[in-house]
Amino acid sequence: MQKRKGKALVWLRNDLRIKDQVSFYHATHKHETVIAFYSFDPLHYSDTGWGFKKTEAFRAQFLLETLAQLQRDLKDHNISLVVQHEEPSKGIQELIEAHAITDLYWQKEWTQEEREREDEVRAVLSENISVHTHYDQFLFHPEDVPVEINQLPEVFTVFRKKCEKYSKVRSSFPAAAIMPENNLLTKVTPLPSLENLGLNTPTAHPHSAFPFKGGSKAAELRMEHYFWDTEKLSFYKQTRNGLLGLDYSSKFSAWLANGAISARQIYWEIKEYEAQVQKNQSTYWLIFELIWRDYFKFISLKHQDKIFQLGGILQKDYHWKNNPKTIQAWIDGETREPFVNGNMIELQKTGWMSNRGRQNVASYFAKDLLLDWRIGATYFEAQLIDYDVHSNYGNWMYVAGVGNDPRDRKFNVRMQAERYDENGKFQRLWNQKSLFE
């Protein structure tokens, strides 16, 4: 066995798990001391230029639950999780100096704010600190995709077929090593409260389609339920466009978004299910959706900050409006479309919305109201428990006609409501004002 040497600090962001986690695997097997660090970056809890916070209460609560679970999991490995509420570079610099850190690990990111934070961290590092970064949020590792990033296809189907034919999903990483007991720091860092973050505690809604807790344990329990206990996976393709209930879809997106579970873990569990229970179109379709998630990550890797620009990756020059009264009516579920309203009220009251709902309310915002799509995307960023920068902005560009939809489609919201909420049950539920009084 290789002798451990040096002291490692693992900077965590959206990779909040101990299993199948590249940084923890290497750090715990190579170094004699390992400390984990997470920053509640004040930037993420600031107000946006559009009039709402970058992170609202439902998403923040799920994150706090995730970190509480990770703190317990790390303690079982004799690793301390230090949590601070300041710019990451400050906390990292303090820990490096206080503990004579020699090696720094983090998951590689590439979107604007994340790049800027990485630059700030690098700026405070001395030359003798070794930095180790890894891509650890993909299904198909960038090194394994059979095309150069700058040549990535602009149509999903082309990308998917190439990956399915020429790429393989890597195995999950082996478990992180358990460190010696004296690796634990004597001072335990408490997690902040929602109040500390400037947020109110959200009220759990009895009709929420996502009443689940954050953290790796909750993610594994969900997978156990959806795959093995109920075998709902076998019917995923038929039910995935549902609107009501816990099991119309896998709901994995929230745990994937902050890295409480990896895409690889889900993929290999699907393969085990196919071997033991059944392989059909539904089991494939969940893999298909994981590939879609990958695709939006690769699109943002290719196009960088264009995904945040008004013209999107196509740089189209549409005429967009910015009417605060119309925007607020959309947010509050007070448009002339009951299907849009029901979905927006569900989002406001629970932090969740179905995939079918998201496509419709986004299309209505951009294509019917002709509003600046970035405002809608930013509101989703604040509210959605499962917010993921790549999927969120990728999907909003797609429906706004400035992204990866070669057909530039517009959803007919009323026809969609008739098809997916035929008896009106969803709309009646969420448009009942008495529920919220």
Protein backbone atom coordinates (compact mmCIF):
# COMPACT_ATOMS: atom_id res chain seq x y z
CA MET A 1 0.00 0.00 0.00
CA GLN A 2 1.24 3.48 -0.91
CA LYS A 3 2.40 5.43 2.12
CA ARG A 4 0.22 8.42 2.90
CA LYS A 5 1.96 11.77 3.01
CA GLY A 6 0.98 15.40 3.25
CA LYS A 7 -2.26 17.04 4.35
CA ALA A 8 -5.22 17.41 2.03
CA LEU A 9 -8.14 19.83 1.95
CA VAL A 10 -11.21 18.88 -0.12
CA TRP A 11 -13.21 21.92 -1.24
CA LEU A 12 -16.80 20.85 -1.79
CA ARG A 13 -19.43 22.47 -4.00
CA ASN A 14 -21.89 20.31 -5.96
CA ASP A 15 -20.26 16.97 -5.06
CA LEU A 16 -21.75 16.46 -1.60
CA ARG A 17 -21.24 12.73 -1.07
CA ILE A 18 -18.61 10.36 0.26
CA LYS A 19 -19.34 7.45 -2.13
CA ASP A 20 -18.14 7.45 -5.75
CA GLN A 21 -16.42 10.77 -5.11
CA VAL A 22 -13.08 11.25 -6.86
CA SER A 23 -11.63 13.90 -4.54
CA PHE A 24 -12.36 11.95 -1.35
CA TYR A 25 -11.07 8.71 -2.86
CA HIS A 26 -7.69 10.17 -3.81
CA ALA A 27 -7.33 12.39 -0.75
CA THR A 28 -8.05 9.62 1.76
CA HIS A 29 -5.79 7.07 0.06
CA LYS A 30 -2.84 9.39 -0.51
CA HIS A 31 -2.65 11.70 2.48
CA GLU A 32 -2.14 11.37 6.20
CA THR A 33 -4.62 14.15 7.02
CA VAL A 34 -7.87 15.03 5.21
CA ILE A 35 -10.20 17.94 5.98
CA ALA A 36 -13.38 18.80 4.04
CA PHE A 37 -14.58 22.37 3.50
CA TYR A 38 -17.86 23.88 2.34
CA SER A 39 -18.67 27.56 2.01
CA PHE A 40 -22.16 29.03 2.05
CA ASP A 41 -20.98 31.60 -0.44
CA PRO A 42 -22.76 34.93 0.26
CA LEU A 43 -23.05 35.39 -3.50
CA HIS A 44 -25.51 32.49 -3.63
CA TYR A 45 -27.82 34.17 -1.09
CA SER A 46 -27.72 37.67 -2.51
CA ASP A 47 -30.49 39.43 -4.43
CA THR A 48 -30.54 39.21 -8.21
CA GLY A 49 -31.09 42.09 -10.56
CA TRP A 50 -34.53 40.68 -11.33
CA GLY A 51 -35.91 41.24 -7.82
CA PHE A 52 -35.58 37.84 -6.15
CA LYS A 53 -32.83 35.95 -4.37
CA LYS A 54 -30.39 33.63 -6.13
CA THR A 55 -31.33 30.86 -3.69
CA GLU A 56 -34.69 30.63 -1.96
CA ALA A 57 -35.76 28.62 1.07
CA PHE A 58 -36.75 25.25 -0.42
CA ARG A 59 -33.45 24.76 -2.21
CA ALA A 60 -31.46 26.04 0.75
CA GLN A 61 -33.24 23.70 3.16
CA PHE A 62 -32.52 20.71 0.92
CA LEU A 63 -28.86 21.78 0.80
CA LEU A 64 -28.68 22.04 4.60
CA GLU A 65 -30.14 18.55 4.94
CA THR A 66 -27.60 17.28 2.40
CA LEU A 67 -24.69 18.79 4.32
CA ALA A 68 -25.98 17.46 7.64
CA GLN A 69 -25.96 13.95 6.16
CA LEU A 70 -22.53 14.46 4.64
CA GLN A 71 -21.19 15.69 7.98
CA ARG A 72 -22.38 12.42 9.56
CA ASP A 73 -20.97 10.30 6.73
CA LEU A 74 -17.61 12.05 6.92
CA LYS A 75 -17.46 11.66 10.68
CA ASP A 76 -17.82 7.89 10.16
CA HIS A 77 -14.64 8.20 8.07
CA ASN A 78 -12.97 10.35 10.76
CA ILE A 79 -13.05 13.41 8.49
CA SER A 80 -14.19 16.82 9.70
CA LEU A 81 -16.40 19.02 7.54
CA VAL A 82 -15.62 22.68 8.15
CA VAL A 83 -18.50 24.96 7.15
CA GLN A 84 -18.24 28.73 6.79
CA HIS A 85 -20.44 31.54 5.52
CA GLU A 86 -17.97 33.64 3.54
CA GLU A 87 -16.18 33.72 0.20
CA PRO A 88 -14.47 30.32 -0.34
CA SER A 89 -11.00 31.81 -0.86
CA LYS A 90 -10.98 33.25 2.67
CA GLY A 91 -11.93 30.00 4.37
CA ILE A 92 -9.55 27.94 2.25
CA GLN A 93 -6.64 30.27 2.94
CA GLU A 94 -7.33 30.14 6.69
CA LEU A 95 -7.47 26.33 6.72
CA ILE A 96 -4.30 25.99 4.66
CA GLU A 97 -2.40 28.20 7.08
CA ALA A 98 -3.89 26.70 10.25
CA HIS A 99 -3.30 23.05 9.26
CA ALA A 100 -0.24 23.24 6.98
CA ILE A 101 -2.21 21.88 4.03
CA THR A 102 -0.08 20.57 1.16
CA ASP A 103 -2.75 19.44 -1.32
CA LEU A 104 -6.07 20.94 -2.38
CA TYR A 105 -8.80 18.97 -4.18
CA TRP A 106 -11.97 20.14 -5.89
CA GLN A 107 -14.47 19.18 -8.56
CA LYS A 108 -13.77 21.06 -11.77
CA GLU A 109 -16.43 23.59 -12.83
CA TRP A 110 -16.57 25.90 -15.83
CA THR A 111 -19.54 28.28 -15.61
CA GLN A 112 -18.86 31.95 -14.91
CA GLU A 113 -19.35 32.34 -11.16
CA GLU A 114 -17.65 29.02 -10.43
CA ARG A 115 -14.65 29.95 -12.59
CA GLU A 116 -14.34 33.28 -10.84
CA ARG A 117 -14.36 31.61 -7.42
CA GLU A 118 -11.72 29.13 -8.55
CA ASP A 119 -9.54 32.02 -9.78
CA GLU A 120 -9.91 33.72 -6.38
CA VAL A 121 -8.87 30.51 -4.62
CA ARG A 122 -5.84 30.01 -6.86
CA ALA A 123 -4.81 33.61 -6.21
CA VAL A 124 -4.37 32.97 -2.47
CA LEU A 125 -2.41 29.72 -2.85
CA SER A 126 1.32 29.59 -2.40
CA GLU A 127 3.46 27.80 -4.96
CA ASN A 128 4.00 24.78 -2.73
CA ILE A 129 0.27 23.84 -2.69
CA SER A 130 -0.55 21.05 -5.13
CA VAL A 131 -3.97 21.47 -6.74
CA HIS A 132 -5.94 18.43 -7.98
CA THR A 133 -9.13 19.01 -9.98
CA HIS A 134 -11.47 16.43 -11.47
CA TYR A 135 -14.52 16.28 -13.68
CA ASP A 136 -16.84 14.32 -11.42
CA GLN A 137 -20.39 15.27 -12.40
CA PHE A 138 -20.82 13.51 -15.74
CA LEU A 139 -22.22 10.16 -16.82
CA PHE A 140 -19.73 9.99 -19.70
CA HIS A 141 -16.39 11.44 -18.66
CA PRO A 142 -15.23 14.22 -21.05
CA GLU A 143 -12.12 12.17 -21.86
CA ASP A 144 -14.35 9.32 -23.06
CA VAL A 145 -16.72 11.24 -25.33
CA PRO A 146 -15.90 10.42 -28.99
CA VAL A 147 -15.76 14.03 -30.17
CA GLU A 148 -13.76 17.13 -29.29
CA ILE A 149 -15.68 19.54 -27.07
CA ASN A 150 -15.44 22.35 -29.63
CA GLN A 151 -16.92 19.97 -32.23
CA LEU A 152 -19.80 18.81 -30.00
CA PRO A 153 -22.99 18.23 -32.04
CA GLU A 154 -25.66 20.89 -31.60
CA VAL A 155 -28.40 18.25 -31.83
CA PHE A 156 -28.91 15.93 -28.86
CA THR A 157 -29.74 12.82 -30.90
CA VAL A 158 -26.39 12.95 -32.72
CA PHE A 159 -24.55 13.31 -29.40
CA ARG A 160 -26.53 10.48 -27.77
CA LYS A 161 -25.96 8.02 -30.61
CA LYS A 162 -22.23 8.71 -30.68
CA CYS A 163 -21.92 8.20 -26.93
CA GLU A 164 -24.01 5.05 -26.93
CA LYS A 165 -21.95 3.58 -29.75
CA TYR A 166 -18.43 4.67 -28.86
CA SER A 167 -18.34 5.52 -25.13
CA LYS A 168 -18.64 3.56 -21.92
CA VAL A 169 -19.70 4.68 -18.48
CA ARG A 170 -16.83 4.34 -16.06
CA SER A 171 -17.16 2.22 -12.95
CA SER A 172 -18.05 3.96 -9.72
CA PHE A 173 -15.00 4.93 -7.69
CA PRO A 174 -14.07 2.65 -4.78
CA ALA A 175 -14.96 3.79 -1.29
CA ALA A 176 -13.04 6.54 0.42
CA ALA A 177 -10.64 5.23 3.05
CA ILE A 178 -11.40 5.59 6.74
CA MET A 179 -8.87 7.94 8.29
CA PRO A 180 -7.25 7.50 11.72
CA GLU A 181 -9.35 8.78 14.62
CA ASN A 182 -6.90 11.58 15.35
CA ASN A 183 -7.73 13.04 11.92
CA LEU A 184 -10.92 14.56 13.36
CA LEU A 185 -10.67 18.18 14.42
CA THR A 186 -11.58 18.92 18.02
CA LYS A 187 -13.87 21.81 17.06
CA VAL A 188 -17.05 20.85 15.21
CA THR A 189 -18.41 23.49 12.83
CA PRO A 190 -22.20 23.91 13.09
CA LEU A 191 -24.28 24.40 9.97
CA PRO A 192 -25.95 27.78 9.58
CA SER A 193 -29.71 28.11 9.93
CA LEU A 194 -31.98 29.37 7.17
CA GLU A 195 -32.29 32.54 9.23
CA ASN A 196 -28.48 32.91 9.14
CA LEU A 197 -28.73 32.77 5.35
CA GLY A 198 -31.43 35.46 5.31
CA LEU A 199 -34.26 33.05 4.55
CA ASN A 200 -37.52 32.00 6.21
CA THR A 201 -38.27 28.38 7.01
CA PRO A 202 -40.57 27.05 4.27
CA THR A 203 -43.84 25.35 5.13
CA ALA A 204 -44.10 21.73 3.99
CA HIS A 205 -47.10 21.31 1.69
CA PRO A 206 -49.28 18.20 2.05
CA HIS A 207 -49.62 17.82 -1.73
CA SER A 208 -45.96 18.24 -2.62
CA ALA A 209 -44.71 15.79 -5.24
CA PHE A 210 -41.27 16.17 -3.67
CA PRO A 211 -41.49 15.76 0.12
CA PHE A 212 -38.06 14.12 0.28
CA LYS A 213 -35.06 15.08 2.39
CA GLY A 214 -31.62 15.99 1.14
CA GLY A 215 -28.51 13.86 1.47
CA SER A 216 -26.94 10.66 0.19
CA LYS A 217 -28.95 8.41 2.51
CA ALA A 218 -32.25 9.84 1.30
CA ALA A 219 -31.06 9.43 -2.31
CA GLU A 220 -30.23 5.78 -1.73
CA LEU A 221 -33.58 5.18 -0.02
CA ARG A 222 -35.33 6.77 -2.98
CA MET A 223 -33.46 4.52 -5.40
CA GLU A 224 -34.29 1.48 -3.26
CA HIS A 225 -37.97 2.43 -3.31
CA TYR A 226 -38.24 3.37 -6.98
CA PHE A 227 -36.23 0.41 -8.28
CA TRP A 228 -36.44 -2.52 -5.93
CA ASP A 229 -39.40 -2.06 -3.57
CA THR A 230 -41.99 -0.94 -6.13
CA GLU A 231 -40.32 -1.68 -9.50
CA LYS A 232 -41.63 1.67 -10.73
CA LEU A 233 -38.56 1.85 -12.94
CA SER A 234 -40.20 -0.71 -15.24
CA PHE A 235 -42.94 1.84 -16.04
CA TYR A 236 -40.91 5.05 -16.08
CA LYS A 237 -41.43 5.82 -19.77
CA GLN A 238 -45.22 5.58 -19.42
CA THR A 239 -45.46 7.71 -16.28
CA ARG A 240 -42.63 10.26 -16.64
CA ASN A 241 -44.95 12.98 -17.97
CA GLY A 242 -47.14 12.80 -14.89
CA LEU A 243 -48.03 15.77 -12.73
CA LEU A 244 -49.27 14.41 -9.40
CA GLY A 245 -47.84 12.04 -6.82
CA LEU A 246 -44.47 10.77 -5.67
CA ASP A 247 -43.70 8.10 -8.24
CA TYR A 248 -44.60 9.41 -11.70
CA SER A 249 -40.86 10.07 -12.12
CA SER A 250 -37.67 9.06 -10.37
CA LYS A 251 -37.13 12.48 -8.71
CA PHE A 252 -33.37 11.82 -8.71
CA SER A 253 -32.63 15.26 -10.17
CA ALA A 254 -32.49 17.02 -6.78
CA TRP A 255 -29.83 14.71 -5.35
CA LEU A 256 -27.93 14.76 -8.64
CA ALA A 257 -27.99 18.57 -8.66
CA ASN A 258 -25.93 18.97 -5.50
CA GLY A 259 -24.00 15.74 -5.96
CA ALA A 260 -25.52 13.73 -3.10
CA ILE A 261 -25.59 10.88 -5.61
CA SER A 262 -23.68 10.47 -8.88
CA ALA A 263 -25.00 9.73 -12.35
CA ARG A 264 -22.68 6.70 -12.38
CA GLN A 265 -24.27 5.28 -9.24
CA ILE A 266 -27.73 5.52 -10.79
CA TYR A 267 -26.55 4.09 -14.12
CA TRP A 268 -24.96 1.02 -12.57
CA GLU A 269 -28.00 0.46 -10.34
CA ILE A 270 -30.18 0.50 -13.47
CA LYS A 271 -27.89 -2.08 -15.04
CA GLU A 272 -28.21 -4.26 -11.94
CA TYR A 273 -31.99 -3.88 -12.09
CA GLU A 274 -31.99 -4.86 -15.76
CA ALA A 275 -29.99 -7.99 -14.91
CA GLN A 276 -32.16 -9.02 -11.97
CA VAL A 277 -35.67 -7.76 -12.74
CA GLN A 278 -36.32 -6.49 -16.25
CA LYS A 279 -34.76 -4.65 -19.15
CA ASN A 280 -37.23 -2.66 -21.23
CA GLN A 281 -37.86 0.73 -22.81
CA SER A 282 -38.44 2.30 -19.41
CA THR A 283 -35.12 1.21 -17.93
CA TYR A 284 -33.40 2.55 -21.04
CA TRP A 285 -35.36 5.79 -20.85
CA LEU A 286 -33.96 6.70 -17.46
CA ILE A 287 -30.47 6.27 -18.92
CA PHE A 288 -31.66 8.39 -21.86
CA GLU A 289 -32.55 11.17 -19.41
CA LEU A 290 -29.14 10.90 -17.73
CA ILE A 291 -27.58 11.40 -21.17
CA TRP A 292 -29.74 14.52 -21.68
CA ARG A 293 -28.38 15.82 -18.38
CA ASP A 294 -24.84 15.15 -19.63
CA TYR A 295 -25.59 16.85 -22.93
CA PHE A 296 -26.50 20.16 -21.31
CA LYS A 297 -23.29 20.01 -19.29
CA PHE A 298 -21.27 19.46 -22.45
CA ILE A 299 -23.16 22.26 -24.23
CA SER A 300 -22.22 24.70 -21.47
CA LEU A 301 -18.65 23.38 -21.52
CA LYS A 302 -18.51 24.10 -25.24
CA HIS A 303 -20.29 27.46 -25.32
CA GLN A 304 -19.29 28.74 -21.87
CA ASP A 305 -21.01 32.01 -20.94
CA LYS A 306 -23.21 32.14 -24.04
CA ILE A 307 -25.71 30.05 -22.09
CA PHE A 308 -26.39 33.13 -19.92
CA GLN A 309 -26.66 35.61 -22.79
CA LEU A 310 -29.95 36.85 -24.20
CA GLY A 311 -29.25 35.45 -27.67
CA GLY A 312 -28.21 32.08 -26.23
CA ILE A 313 -25.79 29.79 -28.01
CA LEU A 314 -27.42 30.66 -31.35
CA GLN A 315 -27.00 34.41 -30.72
CA LYS A 316 -30.51 35.01 -32.09
CA ASP A 317 -31.80 38.55 -32.01
CA TYR A 318 -35.39 38.19 -30.82
CA HIS A 319 -37.33 41.13 -29.40
CA TRP A 320 -37.84 40.33 -25.71
CA LYS A 321 -40.01 42.27 -23.27
CA ASN A 322 -39.48 43.06 -19.61
CA ASN A 323 -42.81 43.90 -17.98
CA PRO A 324 -42.66 43.59 -14.16
CA LYS A 325 -46.44 43.29 -13.80
CA THR A 326 -46.65 40.47 -16.37
CA ILE A 327 -43.66 38.69 -14.82
CA GLN A 328 -45.20 38.85 -11.35
CA ALA A 329 -48.51 37.48 -12.66
CA TRP A 330 -46.60 34.51 -14.10
CA ILE A 331 -44.75 33.97 -10.81
CA ASP A 332 -47.96 34.15 -8.77
CA GLY A 333 -49.98 31.91 -11.08
CA GLU A 334 -52.30 34.69 -12.21
CA THR A 335 -52.09 34.38 -16.00
CA ARG A 336 -55.02 33.55 -18.26
CA GLU A 337 -53.85 29.92 -18.55
CA PRO A 338 -54.95 27.63 -15.66
CA PHE A 339 -52.33 25.00 -16.55
CA VAL A 340 -49.53 27.55 -16.30
CA ASN A 341 -51.01 28.90 -13.08
CA GLY A 342 -51.26 25.50 -11.42
CA ASN A 343 -47.64 24.70 -12.17
CA MET A 344 -46.38 28.09 -10.99
CA ILE A 345 -48.32 27.86 -7.73
CA GLU A 346 -46.93 24.35 -7.16
CA LEU A 347 -43.41 25.71 -7.64
CA GLN A 348 -44.02 28.64 -5.30
CA LYS A 349 -45.50 26.46 -2.56
CA THR A 350 -43.23 23.40 -2.79
CA GLY A 351 -40.01 24.20 -4.70
CA TRP A 352 -40.91 21.51 -7.23
CA MET A 353 -42.47 21.28 -10.68
CA SER A 354 -42.77 18.36 -13.08
CA ASN A 355 -40.74 18.25 -16.27
CA ARG A 356 -43.92 18.61 -18.32
CA GLY A 357 -44.90 21.64 -16.27
CA ARG A 358 -41.50 23.28 -16.67
CA GLN A 359 -41.58 22.98 -20.44
CA ASN A 360 -45.03 24.56 -20.61
CA VAL A 361 -44.52 27.46 -18.23
CA ALA A 362 -41.15 28.29 -19.80
CA SER A 363 -42.58 28.19 -23.32
CA TYR A 364 -45.51 30.36 -22.24
CA PHE A 365 -43.12 32.87 -20.63
CA ALA A 366 -40.85 33.12 -23.67
CA LYS A 367 -43.08 32.40 -26.65
CA ASP A 368 -46.50 33.71 -25.56
CA LEU A 369 -45.58 36.55 -23.21
CA LEU A 370 -42.35 37.25 -25.14
CA LEU A 371 -40.51 37.99 -21.90
CA ASP A 372 -36.73 37.91 -21.47
CA TRP A 373 -36.20 34.18 -20.90
CA ARG A 374 -33.27 34.80 -18.55
CA ILE A 375 -35.68 36.24 -15.97
CA GLY A 376 -37.66 33.00 -15.94
CA ALA A 377 -34.46 30.97 -15.74
CA THR A 378 -33.26 33.05 -12.78
CA TYR A 379 -36.58 32.58 -10.98
CA PHE A 380 -36.26 28.82 -11.48
CA GLU A 381 -32.73 29.05 -10.08
CA ALA A 382 -34.10 30.60 -6.91
CA GLN A 383 -37.03 28.26 -6.41
CA LEU A 384 -36.23 24.79 -7.72
CA ILE A 385 -34.96 22.25 -5.21
CA ASP A 386 -33.21 20.47 -8.08
CA TYR A 387 -31.69 23.54 -9.71
CA ASP A 388 -28.70 22.63 -11.90
CA VAL A 389 -27.10 25.49 -13.80
CA HIS A 390 -26.49 23.48 -16.97
CA SER A 391 -29.88 21.79 -17.23
CA ASN A 392 -31.76 24.92 -16.18
CA TYR A 393 -30.19 27.30 -18.66
CA GLY A 394 -29.95 24.62 -21.34
CA ASN A 395 -33.66 23.90 -21.12
CA TRP A 396 -34.64 27.56 -20.99
CA MET A 397 -32.56 28.31 -24.09
CA TYR A 398 -34.15 25.30 -25.77
CA VAL A 399 -37.75 26.43 -25.24
CA ALA A 400 -36.92 30.09 -25.93
CA GLY A 401 -35.57 29.18 -29.37
CA VAL A 402 -31.99 30.25 -28.70
CA GLY A 403 -30.58 26.83 -27.81
CA ASN A 404 -30.50 23.25 -29.06
CA ASP A 405 -33.98 22.87 -30.55
CA PRO A 406 -33.55 22.87 -34.33
CA ARG A 407 -37.34 23.18 -34.75
CA ASP A 408 -37.82 26.21 -32.45
CA ARG A 409 -41.15 24.88 -31.20
CA LYS A 410 -43.83 26.66 -29.23
CA PHE A 411 -45.98 24.68 -26.78
CA ASN A 412 -49.75 24.94 -27.14
CA VAL A 413 -50.45 25.15 -23.42
CA ARG A 414 -54.15 24.36 -23.68
CA MET A 415 -53.58 21.29 -25.81
CA GLN A 416 -50.85 20.18 -23.41
CA ALA A 417 -53.27 20.56 -20.49
CA GLU A 418 -55.90 18.49 -22.29
CA ARG A 419 -53.35 15.78 -23.01
CA TYR A 420 -51.50 15.56 -19.70
CA ASP A 421 -54.20 16.76 -17.30
CA GLU A 422 -57.19 15.36 -19.14
CA ASN A 423 -59.56 15.37 -16.18
CA GLY A 424 -58.21 18.66 -14.80
CA LYS A 425 -57.25 17.14 -11.46
CA PHE A 426 -53.86 18.85 -11.30
CA GLN A 427 -55.27 22.26 -12.22
CA ARG A 428 -58.12 21.99 -9.72
CA LEU A 429 -55.70 21.04 -6.95
CA TRP A 430 -53.21 23.86 -7.37
CA ASN A 431 -55.65 26.57 -8.42
CA GLN A 432 -57.69 26.24 -5.22
CA LYS A 433 -57.02 29.48 -3.40
CA SER A 434 -58.49 28.02 -0.19
CA LEU A 435 -55.51 25.67 0.05
CA PHE A 436 -53.19 28.56 0.79
CA GLU A 437 -55.28 30.84 2.98
